[in-house]
N, C-alpha and C. Protein backbone atom coordinates (compact mmCIF):
# COMPACT_ATOMS: atom_id res chain seq x y z
N MET A 1 -108.26 171.91 -11.75
CA MET A 1 -108.69 172.52 -10.53
C MET A 1 -107.56 173.39 -10.01
N GLU A 2 -107.48 174.46 -9.57
CA GLU A 2 -106.12 175.02 -8.84
C GLU A 2 -105.81 174.77 -7.83
N TYR A 3 -106.75 174.07 -7.19
CA TYR A 3 -106.70 173.54 -5.48
C TYR A 3 -107.13 172.34 -5.25
N TYR A 4 -106.58 171.62 -4.26
CA TYR A 4 -106.99 170.20 -3.80
C TYR A 4 -107.93 170.18 -2.82
N VAL A 5 -108.94 169.12 -3.05
CA VAL A 5 -110.34 169.25 -2.15
C VAL A 5 -110.14 167.46 -2.08
N HIS A 6 -110.24 167.52 -0.90
CA HIS A 6 -110.64 165.70 -0.47
C HIS A 6 -111.52 165.35 -0.96
N GLU A 7 -111.82 163.90 -1.16
CA GLU A 7 -113.21 163.66 -1.69
C GLU A 7 -114.48 163.43 -0.63
N SER A 8 -114.05 163.72 0.62
CA SER A 8 -114.77 163.23 1.56
C SER A 8 -115.37 164.82 1.73
N ALA A 9 -114.72 165.99 1.52
CA ALA A 9 -115.15 167.30 1.77
C ALA A 9 -116.42 168.08 0.78
N ILE A 10 -117.26 168.64 1.55
CA ILE A 10 -118.22 169.42 0.60
C ILE A 10 -118.31 170.76 0.66
N ILE A 11 -117.91 170.94 -0.69
CA ILE A 11 -117.55 172.68 -1.53
C ILE A 11 -119.14 173.30 -1.91
N ASP A 12 -119.59 173.96 -1.33
CA ASP A 12 -120.68 174.61 -1.89
C ASP A 12 -120.46 175.51 -3.02
N GLU A 13 -121.47 175.18 -4.20
CA GLU A 13 -121.03 176.21 -5.11
C GLU A 13 -121.27 177.64 -4.93
N GLY A 14 -120.14 178.54 -5.45
CA GLY A 14 -120.02 179.99 -5.26
C GLY A 14 -119.09 180.44 -4.18
N CYS A 15 -118.70 179.49 -3.54
CA CYS A 15 -117.21 179.82 -2.71
C CYS A 15 -116.26 180.20 -3.96
N ARG A 16 -114.99 180.97 -3.37
CA ARG A 16 -113.85 181.25 -4.07
C ARG A 16 -112.61 180.73 -3.18
N ILE A 17 -112.28 179.86 -3.90
CA ILE A 17 -110.90 179.30 -3.25
C ILE A 17 -109.69 179.43 -3.91
N GLY A 18 -108.72 180.08 -3.29
CA GLY A 18 -107.63 180.68 -4.24
C GLY A 18 -106.71 178.92 -4.73
N LYS A 19 -105.53 179.30 -5.13
CA LYS A 19 -104.69 178.78 -5.87
C LYS A 19 -103.95 178.10 -4.70
N ARG A 20 -103.57 176.77 -4.77
CA ARG A 20 -102.60 175.84 -4.13
C ARG A 20 -103.27 175.45 -2.67
N THR A 21 -104.60 175.99 -2.72
CA THR A 21 -104.81 175.65 -0.74
C THR A 21 -105.58 174.29 -1.08
N ARG A 22 -105.39 173.86 -0.20
CA ARG A 22 -105.90 172.56 0.29
C ARG A 22 -106.54 172.34 1.26
N ILE A 23 -107.98 171.31 0.83
CA ILE A 23 -109.08 171.21 1.86
C ILE A 23 -109.03 169.88 1.98
N TRP A 24 -109.04 169.16 3.43
CA TRP A 24 -108.87 167.84 3.89
C TRP A 24 -110.36 167.16 4.43
N HIS A 25 -110.19 166.00 4.97
CA HIS A 25 -111.26 165.31 5.20
C HIS A 25 -112.09 165.79 5.83
N PHE A 26 -113.56 165.61 5.50
CA PHE A 26 -114.72 166.23 6.15
C PHE A 26 -114.87 167.70 6.38
N CYS A 27 -114.39 168.24 5.46
CA CYS A 27 -114.45 169.75 5.74
C CYS A 27 -115.97 170.13 5.13
N HIS A 28 -116.37 171.39 5.41
CA HIS A 28 -117.50 172.10 4.88
C HIS A 28 -117.31 173.63 4.76
N ILE A 29 -117.26 173.89 2.91
CA ILE A 29 -116.79 175.27 2.81
C ILE A 29 -118.21 175.76 2.39
N MET A 30 -119.21 176.76 2.93
CA MET A 30 -120.26 177.12 2.99
C MET A 30 -119.87 178.31 1.04
N SER A 31 -121.28 178.49 0.41
CA SER A 31 -121.16 179.11 -0.50
C SER A 31 -120.28 180.70 -0.65
N GLU A 32 -120.70 181.53 0.33
CA GLU A 32 -120.44 182.85 0.30
C GLU A 32 -119.02 183.01 0.88
N VAL A 33 -117.90 182.19 0.75
CA VAL A 33 -117.05 182.14 1.50
C VAL A 33 -115.38 182.28 0.47
N VAL A 34 -115.09 183.26 0.69
CA VAL A 34 -113.65 183.72 -0.16
C VAL A 34 -112.32 183.34 0.73
N ILE A 35 -111.76 182.19 0.17
CA ILE A 35 -110.43 181.63 0.31
C ILE A 35 -109.39 181.96 -0.43
N GLY A 36 -108.06 182.64 0.23
CA GLY A 36 -106.86 183.04 -0.37
C GLY A 36 -106.23 181.67 -1.11
N GLU A 37 -104.88 182.35 -1.57
CA GLU A 37 -103.94 181.22 -1.96
C GLU A 37 -103.20 180.64 -1.30
N ASP A 38 -102.84 179.13 -1.14
CA ASP A 38 -101.84 178.68 -0.48
C ASP A 38 -102.74 178.44 0.97
N CYS A 39 -104.05 178.31 1.26
CA CYS A 39 -104.01 177.91 2.68
C CYS A 39 -104.24 176.34 2.62
N SER A 40 -104.33 175.90 3.84
CA SER A 40 -104.78 174.60 4.65
C SER A 40 -105.48 174.53 5.56
N PHE A 41 -106.50 173.66 5.19
CA PHE A 41 -107.61 173.07 6.10
C PHE A 41 -107.79 171.76 6.32
N GLY A 42 -107.32 171.76 7.51
CA GLY A 42 -107.57 170.03 8.61
C GLY A 42 -108.50 169.63 8.26
N GLN A 43 -108.72 168.53 9.12
CA GLN A 43 -110.01 167.65 8.89
C GLN A 43 -111.00 168.33 10.08
N ASN A 44 -112.01 167.98 9.56
CA ASN A 44 -113.13 168.64 10.34
C ASN A 44 -113.49 170.16 10.23
N VAL A 45 -113.25 170.66 9.61
CA VAL A 45 -113.08 172.36 9.49
C VAL A 45 -114.42 172.71 8.60
N MET A 46 -115.08 173.53 9.50
CA MET A 46 -116.59 174.25 8.93
C MET A 46 -116.11 175.50 8.49
N ILE A 47 -116.36 176.59 7.50
CA ILE A 47 -116.52 177.29 7.25
C ILE A 47 -117.87 178.31 6.45
N ALA A 48 -118.72 179.04 7.29
CA ALA A 48 -119.79 179.56 7.18
C ALA A 48 -119.86 180.52 6.55
N ASN A 49 -120.98 181.01 5.21
CA ASN A 49 -121.32 182.05 4.52
C ASN A 49 -120.43 183.25 5.42
N GLY A 50 -120.05 184.31 4.36
CA GLY A 50 -119.50 185.62 4.39
C GLY A 50 -118.09 185.65 5.22
N VAL A 51 -117.41 184.71 5.61
CA VAL A 51 -116.26 184.19 5.94
C VAL A 51 -115.37 184.67 4.93
N THR A 52 -114.11 185.74 4.89
CA THR A 52 -112.85 185.44 4.21
C THR A 52 -111.78 185.62 4.84
N ILE A 53 -111.20 184.55 4.16
CA ILE A 53 -109.31 184.69 4.61
C ILE A 53 -108.72 184.83 3.70
N GLY A 54 -107.37 185.26 4.22
CA GLY A 54 -106.76 185.33 3.39
C GLY A 54 -105.70 184.55 2.83
N ASN A 55 -104.42 184.63 2.54
CA ASN A 55 -103.70 184.00 1.92
C ASN A 55 -102.74 183.30 2.69
N ASN A 56 -102.30 181.74 2.82
CA ASN A 56 -101.27 181.14 3.23
C ASN A 56 -101.92 181.26 4.86
N VAL A 57 -103.03 180.84 5.07
CA VAL A 57 -103.71 180.66 6.31
C VAL A 57 -103.55 179.39 6.69
N LYS A 58 -103.34 178.41 7.97
CA LYS A 58 -103.56 176.91 8.26
C LYS A 58 -104.02 177.10 9.38
N VAL A 59 -105.50 176.38 9.20
CA VAL A 59 -106.27 175.71 9.64
C VAL A 59 -106.46 174.43 10.37
N GLN A 60 -106.29 174.38 11.31
CA GLN A 60 -106.22 172.99 11.84
C GLN A 60 -107.57 172.09 12.20
N ASN A 61 -107.35 170.98 12.61
CA ASN A 61 -108.40 170.05 12.76
C ASN A 61 -109.76 170.70 13.43
N ASN A 62 -111.01 170.39 13.52
CA ASN A 62 -111.85 170.51 14.01
C ASN A 62 -112.22 171.96 14.73
N VAL A 63 -111.97 173.14 13.53
CA VAL A 63 -112.53 174.56 13.54
C VAL A 63 -113.37 174.93 12.90
N SER A 64 -114.44 175.59 13.62
CA SER A 64 -115.26 176.21 13.02
C SER A 64 -114.98 177.83 12.85
N LEU A 65 -115.34 178.50 11.43
CA LEU A 65 -115.20 179.81 11.22
C LEU A 65 -116.57 180.09 11.11
N TYR A 66 -117.39 180.80 12.01
CA TYR A 66 -118.59 181.53 11.76
C TYR A 66 -118.88 183.11 10.88
N THR A 67 -120.10 183.18 10.62
CA THR A 67 -120.27 184.33 9.72
C THR A 67 -119.88 185.18 10.56
N GLY A 68 -119.03 186.54 10.04
CA GLY A 68 -118.65 187.33 11.16
C GLY A 68 -117.44 187.32 10.74
N VAL A 69 -116.74 186.38 10.90
CA VAL A 69 -115.00 186.34 10.88
C VAL A 69 -114.19 186.48 9.71
N VAL A 70 -113.20 187.77 9.81
CA VAL A 70 -112.80 188.00 8.88
C VAL A 70 -111.30 187.80 9.22
N CYS A 71 -110.24 186.95 8.40
CA CYS A 71 -109.07 186.32 8.62
C CYS A 71 -108.12 187.06 7.70
N GLY A 72 -106.78 187.61 8.18
CA GLY A 72 -106.13 188.03 7.49
C GLY A 72 -104.93 186.98 6.45
N ASN A 73 -103.81 187.60 6.27
CA ASN A 73 -102.53 186.68 5.57
C ASN A 73 -101.95 186.17 6.77
N ASP A 74 -101.48 184.91 6.74
CA ASP A 74 -100.08 184.14 7.54
C ASP A 74 -100.80 184.13 8.92
N VAL A 75 -102.13 183.56 8.84
CA VAL A 75 -102.74 183.41 10.32
C VAL A 75 -102.61 181.98 10.73
N PHE A 76 -102.39 181.36 12.14
CA PHE A 76 -102.52 180.33 12.31
C PHE A 76 -103.16 179.58 13.11
N LEU A 77 -104.47 178.98 12.73
CA LEU A 77 -105.33 178.64 13.86
C LEU A 77 -105.30 177.06 14.17
N GLY A 78 -105.13 177.08 15.66
CA GLY A 78 -104.62 175.91 16.00
C GLY A 78 -106.10 174.68 16.35
N PRO A 79 -105.64 173.63 16.58
CA PRO A 79 -106.80 172.33 16.52
C PRO A 79 -107.90 172.87 17.63
N SER A 80 -109.23 172.53 17.40
CA SER A 80 -110.29 173.03 17.99
C SER A 80 -110.28 174.25 18.40
N CYS A 81 -109.62 175.27 18.07
CA CYS A 81 -109.84 176.50 18.48
C CYS A 81 -111.63 176.90 18.11
N VAL A 82 -111.81 178.20 19.11
CA VAL A 82 -113.40 178.14 18.92
C VAL A 82 -113.78 179.88 19.13
N PHE A 83 -114.66 179.80 17.56
CA PHE A 83 -115.02 181.45 17.20
C PHE A 83 -116.76 181.40 17.48
N THR A 84 -116.90 182.79 18.01
CA THR A 84 -118.30 183.01 18.18
C THR A 84 -118.85 183.61 17.02
N ASN A 85 -119.82 183.87 17.35
CA ASN A 85 -120.53 185.40 16.78
C ASN A 85 -121.92 185.62 16.96
N VAL A 86 -122.18 185.21 18.03
CA VAL A 86 -123.37 186.00 19.13
C VAL A 86 -122.92 186.11 20.24
N ILE A 87 -123.11 187.37 20.71
CA ILE A 87 -122.75 187.52 22.44
C ILE A 87 -123.48 186.64 23.69
N ASN A 88 -124.85 186.62 23.58
CA ASN A 88 -125.95 185.96 23.98
C ASN A 88 -126.84 184.64 23.49
N PRO A 89 -126.06 183.88 22.71
CA PRO A 89 -127.11 183.08 22.26
C PRO A 89 -128.22 181.93 23.29
N ARG A 90 -129.44 181.93 22.49
CA ARG A 90 -130.19 181.03 23.03
C ARG A 90 -131.18 180.31 21.79
N SER A 91 -131.29 179.50 22.03
CA SER A 91 -131.92 178.47 20.82
C SER A 91 -133.16 178.86 20.58
N ALA A 92 -133.92 179.32 21.09
CA ALA A 92 -135.20 179.85 21.06
C ALA A 92 -135.04 181.47 20.65
N VAL A 93 -134.13 182.11 20.38
CA VAL A 93 -134.25 183.12 20.23
C VAL A 93 -133.42 183.43 18.85
N ASN A 94 -134.04 183.77 17.50
CA ASN A 94 -133.08 184.29 16.49
C ASN A 94 -132.65 185.15 16.36
N ARG A 95 -131.08 185.48 16.61
CA ARG A 95 -130.57 186.61 16.72
C ARG A 95 -129.33 187.00 15.41
N LYS A 96 -129.46 186.28 14.28
CA LYS A 96 -128.90 185.97 13.24
C LYS A 96 -128.67 187.76 12.56
N ASN A 97 -129.60 188.70 13.05
CA ASN A 97 -129.17 189.89 12.88
C ASN A 97 -128.16 191.01 13.66
N GLU A 98 -127.74 189.80 14.67
CA GLU A 98 -126.81 190.31 15.97
C GLU A 98 -125.58 189.86 15.84
N TYR A 99 -125.15 189.33 14.85
CA TYR A 99 -123.94 188.66 14.54
C TYR A 99 -122.91 190.03 14.95
N ARG A 100 -121.79 189.80 15.43
CA ARG A 100 -120.56 190.49 15.68
C ARG A 100 -119.30 190.13 14.60
N GLN A 101 -118.68 191.18 14.30
CA GLN A 101 -117.50 190.76 13.48
C GLN A 101 -116.25 190.18 14.50
N THR A 102 -115.46 189.59 14.09
CA THR A 102 -114.43 189.18 14.56
C THR A 102 -113.09 189.23 13.58
N ILE A 103 -112.41 190.40 13.68
CA ILE A 103 -111.36 191.09 12.57
C ILE A 103 -109.91 189.65 13.66
N ILE A 104 -109.43 188.78 12.46
CA ILE A 104 -108.11 188.40 12.59
C ILE A 104 -106.59 189.10 11.67
N GLU A 105 -106.41 189.75 12.68
CA GLU A 105 -105.43 190.51 11.40
C GLU A 105 -103.91 189.90 11.43
N ASP A 106 -102.96 190.22 10.27
CA ASP A 106 -102.15 189.41 9.68
C ASP A 106 -100.80 188.82 10.77
N GLY A 107 -100.61 187.64 10.64
CA GLY A 107 -99.53 186.80 11.04
C GLY A 107 -100.20 186.64 12.41
N VAL A 108 -101.16 186.41 12.76
CA VAL A 108 -102.14 185.98 14.02
C VAL A 108 -101.82 184.47 14.53
N THR A 109 -101.59 183.86 15.52
CA THR A 109 -101.35 182.65 15.56
C THR A 109 -102.18 182.70 17.17
N VAL A 110 -103.47 181.22 16.94
CA VAL A 110 -104.35 181.25 18.15
C VAL A 110 -104.07 179.56 18.29
N GLY A 111 -103.93 179.42 19.75
CA GLY A 111 -103.31 178.31 20.03
C GLY A 111 -104.20 177.29 19.95
N ALA A 112 -104.20 176.17 20.48
CA ALA A 112 -105.47 174.91 20.51
C ALA A 112 -106.34 174.98 21.43
N ASN A 113 -107.45 175.00 21.32
CA ASN A 113 -108.49 174.90 22.19
C ASN A 113 -108.96 176.20 22.77
N ALA A 114 -108.15 177.44 21.84
CA ALA A 114 -108.22 178.82 22.86
C ALA A 114 -109.60 179.00 21.86
N THR A 115 -110.78 180.13 22.91
CA THR A 115 -111.70 180.34 22.59
C THR A 115 -112.00 182.22 22.19
N ILE A 116 -112.19 182.35 21.23
CA ILE A 116 -112.30 183.70 20.95
C ILE A 116 -113.74 184.64 20.97
N VAL A 117 -113.96 184.99 22.12
CA VAL A 117 -115.75 185.63 21.81
C VAL A 117 -115.62 186.99 20.99
N CYS A 118 -116.91 187.04 20.23
CA CYS A 118 -116.87 187.57 19.13
C CYS A 118 -117.03 188.98 19.41
N GLY A 119 -116.52 190.14 18.73
CA GLY A 119 -116.94 191.17 18.38
C GLY A 119 -115.34 192.17 18.67
N TYR A 120 -114.36 191.03 18.54
CA TYR A 120 -113.17 191.94 18.96
C TYR A 120 -112.01 191.94 17.90
N THR A 121 -111.22 192.56 17.77
CA THR A 121 -109.70 192.43 17.03
C THR A 121 -108.51 191.81 17.55
N LEU A 122 -108.23 190.91 16.61
CA LEU A 122 -106.76 190.28 16.91
C LEU A 122 -105.79 191.01 16.38
N GLY A 123 -105.04 191.61 17.22
CA GLY A 123 -103.61 192.54 16.59
C GLY A 123 -102.46 191.65 15.55
N LYS A 124 -102.22 192.06 14.63
CA LYS A 124 -101.15 191.79 14.12
C LYS A 124 -100.15 191.19 15.01
N TYR A 125 -99.99 189.72 14.43
CA TYR A 125 -98.73 189.01 14.77
C TYR A 125 -99.32 188.91 16.51
N CYS A 126 -100.54 188.85 17.17
CA CYS A 126 -100.17 188.69 18.26
C CYS A 126 -100.45 186.98 18.85
N PHE A 127 -100.57 186.69 19.75
CA PHE A 127 -100.07 185.37 20.03
C PHE A 127 -100.94 184.75 21.07
N ILE A 128 -101.96 183.91 20.59
CA ILE A 128 -102.81 183.62 21.74
C ILE A 128 -102.55 182.05 22.09
N GLY A 129 -102.68 182.12 23.45
CA GLY A 129 -102.01 180.68 24.26
C GLY A 129 -102.71 179.53 23.92
N ALA A 130 -102.71 178.18 24.18
CA ALA A 130 -103.36 177.25 24.09
C ALA A 130 -104.19 177.39 25.29
N GLY A 131 -105.36 177.13 24.64
CA GLY A 131 -106.48 177.60 25.97
C GLY A 131 -107.49 178.67 26.51
N ALA A 132 -106.37 179.61 25.79
CA ALA A 132 -106.93 181.27 26.52
C ALA A 132 -108.41 181.41 26.04
N VAL A 133 -109.09 182.58 26.94
CA VAL A 133 -110.46 182.93 26.59
C VAL A 133 -110.34 184.57 26.09
N ILE A 134 -110.29 184.98 25.03
CA ILE A 134 -110.24 186.18 24.60
C ILE A 134 -111.79 186.88 24.48
N THR A 135 -111.78 187.88 25.71
CA THR A 135 -112.95 189.06 25.51
C THR A 135 -112.84 190.04 25.68
N LYS A 136 -111.34 190.35 25.09
CA LYS A 136 -111.51 192.12 24.63
C LYS A 136 -110.67 192.09 23.46
N ASN A 137 -109.93 193.52 22.81
CA ASN A 137 -109.40 193.35 21.88
C ASN A 137 -107.94 193.13 22.29
N VAL A 138 -107.15 192.68 21.17
CA VAL A 138 -105.86 192.26 21.66
C VAL A 138 -105.02 192.93 20.84
N LYS A 139 -103.66 193.80 21.38
CA LYS A 139 -102.77 194.84 20.55
C LYS A 139 -102.00 193.80 19.75
N PRO A 140 -101.23 194.19 18.74
CA PRO A 140 -100.47 193.59 17.64
C PRO A 140 -99.20 193.31 18.68
N TYR A 141 -98.82 192.11 18.13
CA TYR A 141 -97.72 191.68 19.12
C TYR A 141 -97.96 191.03 20.33
N ALA A 142 -98.79 191.37 20.95
CA ALA A 142 -99.08 190.69 22.35
C ALA A 142 -99.53 189.01 22.50
N LEU A 143 -98.76 188.60 23.99
CA LEU A 143 -98.91 187.42 23.96
C LEU A 143 -99.79 187.20 25.16
N MET A 144 -100.95 186.58 24.73
CA MET A 144 -102.05 186.45 25.61
C MET A 144 -102.10 185.00 26.36
N VAL A 145 -102.58 184.77 27.58
CA VAL A 145 -103.01 183.61 28.21
C VAL A 145 -103.86 183.45 29.36
N GLY A 146 -104.39 182.49 29.46
CA GLY A 146 -105.22 182.50 30.73
C GLY A 146 -106.77 182.60 30.19
N ASN A 147 -107.59 182.45 31.60
CA ASN A 147 -109.33 182.31 31.60
C ASN A 147 -109.62 183.20 32.43
N PRO A 148 -110.07 184.77 32.05
CA PRO A 148 -110.25 185.33 30.63
C PRO A 148 -108.59 185.34 30.61
N ALA A 149 -108.10 185.93 29.34
CA ALA A 149 -107.24 186.00 28.72
C ALA A 149 -106.26 187.18 29.25
N ARG A 150 -104.85 187.14 29.99
CA ARG A 150 -104.36 188.44 29.91
C ARG A 150 -102.98 188.71 29.68
N GLN A 151 -102.70 189.50 28.93
CA GLN A 151 -101.21 190.07 28.35
C GLN A 151 -99.96 189.60 29.22
N THR A 152 -99.38 188.61 28.76
CA THR A 152 -98.04 188.41 29.59
C THR A 152 -96.66 188.60 29.15
N GLY A 153 -96.78 189.15 27.77
CA GLY A 153 -95.51 189.42 27.00
C GLY A 153 -95.69 190.05 25.49
N TRP A 154 -94.81 189.85 24.75
CA TRP A 154 -94.92 190.31 23.43
C TRP A 154 -94.31 188.87 22.68
N MET A 155 -94.74 188.76 21.50
CA MET A 155 -93.85 188.00 20.55
C MET A 155 -93.35 188.44 19.08
N SER A 156 -92.19 187.96 18.51
CA SER A 156 -92.08 188.46 17.58
C SER A 156 -92.85 188.16 16.35
N GLU A 157 -92.41 188.45 15.23
CA GLU A 157 -93.31 187.87 14.01
C GLU A 157 -92.88 186.87 13.75
N ALA A 158 -91.57 186.11 14.32
CA ALA A 158 -91.26 185.05 13.72
C ALA A 158 -91.70 183.72 15.41
N GLY A 159 -92.42 184.39 15.88
CA GLY A 159 -93.23 183.68 16.98
C GLY A 159 -92.35 183.50 18.69
N GLU A 160 -91.20 184.38 18.52
CA GLU A 160 -90.32 184.39 19.64
C GLU A 160 -90.59 185.37 20.59
N LYS A 161 -90.76 184.55 22.06
CA LYS A 161 -90.93 185.92 22.74
C LYS A 161 -90.02 186.78 22.99
N LEU A 162 -90.13 188.21 23.01
CA LEU A 162 -89.73 189.30 22.99
C LEU A 162 -89.27 189.65 24.38
N ILE A 163 -87.77 189.98 24.77
CA ILE A 163 -87.34 190.67 25.89
C ILE A 163 -86.92 192.13 25.78
N PHE A 164 -87.98 192.85 26.44
CA PHE A 164 -87.04 194.33 25.96
C PHE A 164 -86.36 194.64 27.21
N GLY A 165 -84.98 195.28 27.02
CA GLY A 165 -84.22 195.59 28.06
C GLY A 165 -84.33 197.57 28.53
N GLN A 166 -83.69 198.01 29.00
CA GLN A 166 -83.89 199.62 29.50
C GLN A 166 -84.18 200.44 28.45
N SER A 167 -83.53 199.74 27.02
CA SER A 167 -83.40 200.79 26.15
C SER A 167 -84.94 200.82 25.33
N ASP A 168 -85.97 199.84 25.97
CA ASP A 168 -87.03 199.32 25.36
C ASP A 168 -86.97 199.21 23.99
N ILE A 169 -86.15 198.20 23.52
CA ILE A 169 -85.58 197.65 22.21
C ILE A 169 -85.57 196.43 22.38
N ALA A 170 -85.68 195.48 22.03
CA ALA A 170 -85.93 193.94 21.74
C ALA A 170 -85.57 193.16 20.62
N VAL A 171 -84.67 192.24 20.54
CA VAL A 171 -83.84 191.66 19.17
C VAL A 171 -84.56 190.16 18.95
N CYS A 172 -85.25 190.02 17.99
CA CYS A 172 -85.55 188.69 17.93
C CYS A 172 -84.51 187.69 17.69
N HIS A 173 -84.26 186.86 18.61
CA HIS A 173 -82.84 185.71 18.39
C HIS A 173 -83.27 184.89 17.05
N ILE A 174 -84.43 184.53 16.51
CA ILE A 174 -84.56 183.71 15.40
C ILE A 174 -83.76 185.05 14.02
N SER A 175 -85.02 185.88 14.11
CA SER A 175 -85.17 186.54 12.74
C SER A 175 -83.86 187.70 12.76
N GLY A 176 -83.17 188.13 14.05
CA GLY A 176 -82.36 189.34 14.33
C GLY A 176 -83.36 190.86 13.94
N GLN A 177 -84.35 190.69 13.86
CA GLN A 177 -85.40 191.78 13.62
C GLN A 177 -85.51 192.52 14.90
N LYS A 178 -85.40 193.88 14.47
CA LYS A 178 -85.34 194.80 16.59
C LYS A 178 -87.02 195.27 16.48
N TYR A 179 -87.75 195.30 17.67
CA TYR A 179 -88.52 196.01 18.34
C TYR A 179 -88.75 197.35 18.89
N GLN A 180 -89.61 198.08 19.06
CA GLN A 180 -89.54 198.83 20.23
C GLN A 180 -90.77 198.78 20.91
N LEU A 181 -90.47 199.14 22.08
CA LEU A 181 -91.94 199.08 23.01
C LEU A 181 -92.01 200.66 23.54
N ALA A 182 -93.20 201.37 23.20
CA ALA A 182 -93.15 202.37 23.46
C ALA A 182 -94.79 202.85 24.07
N ALA A 183 -94.89 203.58 24.86
CA ALA A 183 -96.49 203.85 25.30
C ALA A 183 -97.44 202.60 25.25
N GLY A 184 -97.09 201.70 25.80
CA GLY A 184 -97.80 200.26 25.83
C GLY A 184 -97.85 199.35 24.57
N ASN A 185 -97.39 199.75 23.81
CA ASN A 185 -97.31 199.11 22.27
C ASN A 185 -96.19 198.75 21.59
N VAL A 186 -95.98 197.88 20.95
CA VAL A 186 -94.78 197.40 20.35
C VAL A 186 -94.93 197.55 18.39
N ARG A 187 -93.52 198.15 18.18
CA ARG A 187 -93.35 197.93 16.82
C ARG A 187 -92.64 197.75 16.12
N LYS A 188 -92.64 197.04 14.94
CA LYS A 188 -91.12 196.46 14.60
C LYS A 188 -90.76 197.62 13.81
N ILE A 189 -88.91 197.48 13.95
CA ILE A 189 -88.33 198.67 13.67
C ILE A 189 -87.70 198.29 12.48
N ILE A 190 -88.00 199.47 11.29
CA ILE A 190 -87.83 198.98 9.85
C ILE A 190 -86.31 199.43 9.44
N ALA A 191 -85.37 199.14 9.33
CA ALA A 191 -84.08 199.29 8.71
C ALA A 191 -84.03 200.32 7.49
N THR A 192 -83.40 201.65 7.62
CA THR A 192 -83.55 202.33 6.73
C THR A 192 -82.02 202.38 6.21
């Protein structure tokens, strides 16, 4: 086997799991799941049919990824963060044909106990603070906190808060990478 599965985990036949991925205690991976390489799933993670997960994704303890979640590469999902897939659930009403897709783009961090309401996109490298409740699309590199979440700043790809000066240029003090703020959006400046 090219990946590790703890003996207490349940891996349904038909799922695809990439090389060097680690699946720990009491996880359940359903049959129609695609998982990339070098991922890690902490204790008590459930991944439902139809979920796609990229490479190098870290899913901490007690996270459930329901049908409709599409997760890019290099994503961090903190302990007990929550994803939904129906906007108006009722026990007595079958809404399986109403699942809404949630897109988690590359490099996103979702903090512990955050809730991501279904149907939105988390833009690349955005940072969702612990306990935040996301009720709208999130811009790339945005820092979101609170309930409902509001944007309070910008984050670098290295996970450091960006401080923009009068020139609308910020430098990540960890990586040295430069970013530009223009028209309410941030982009990484590619050296030429």
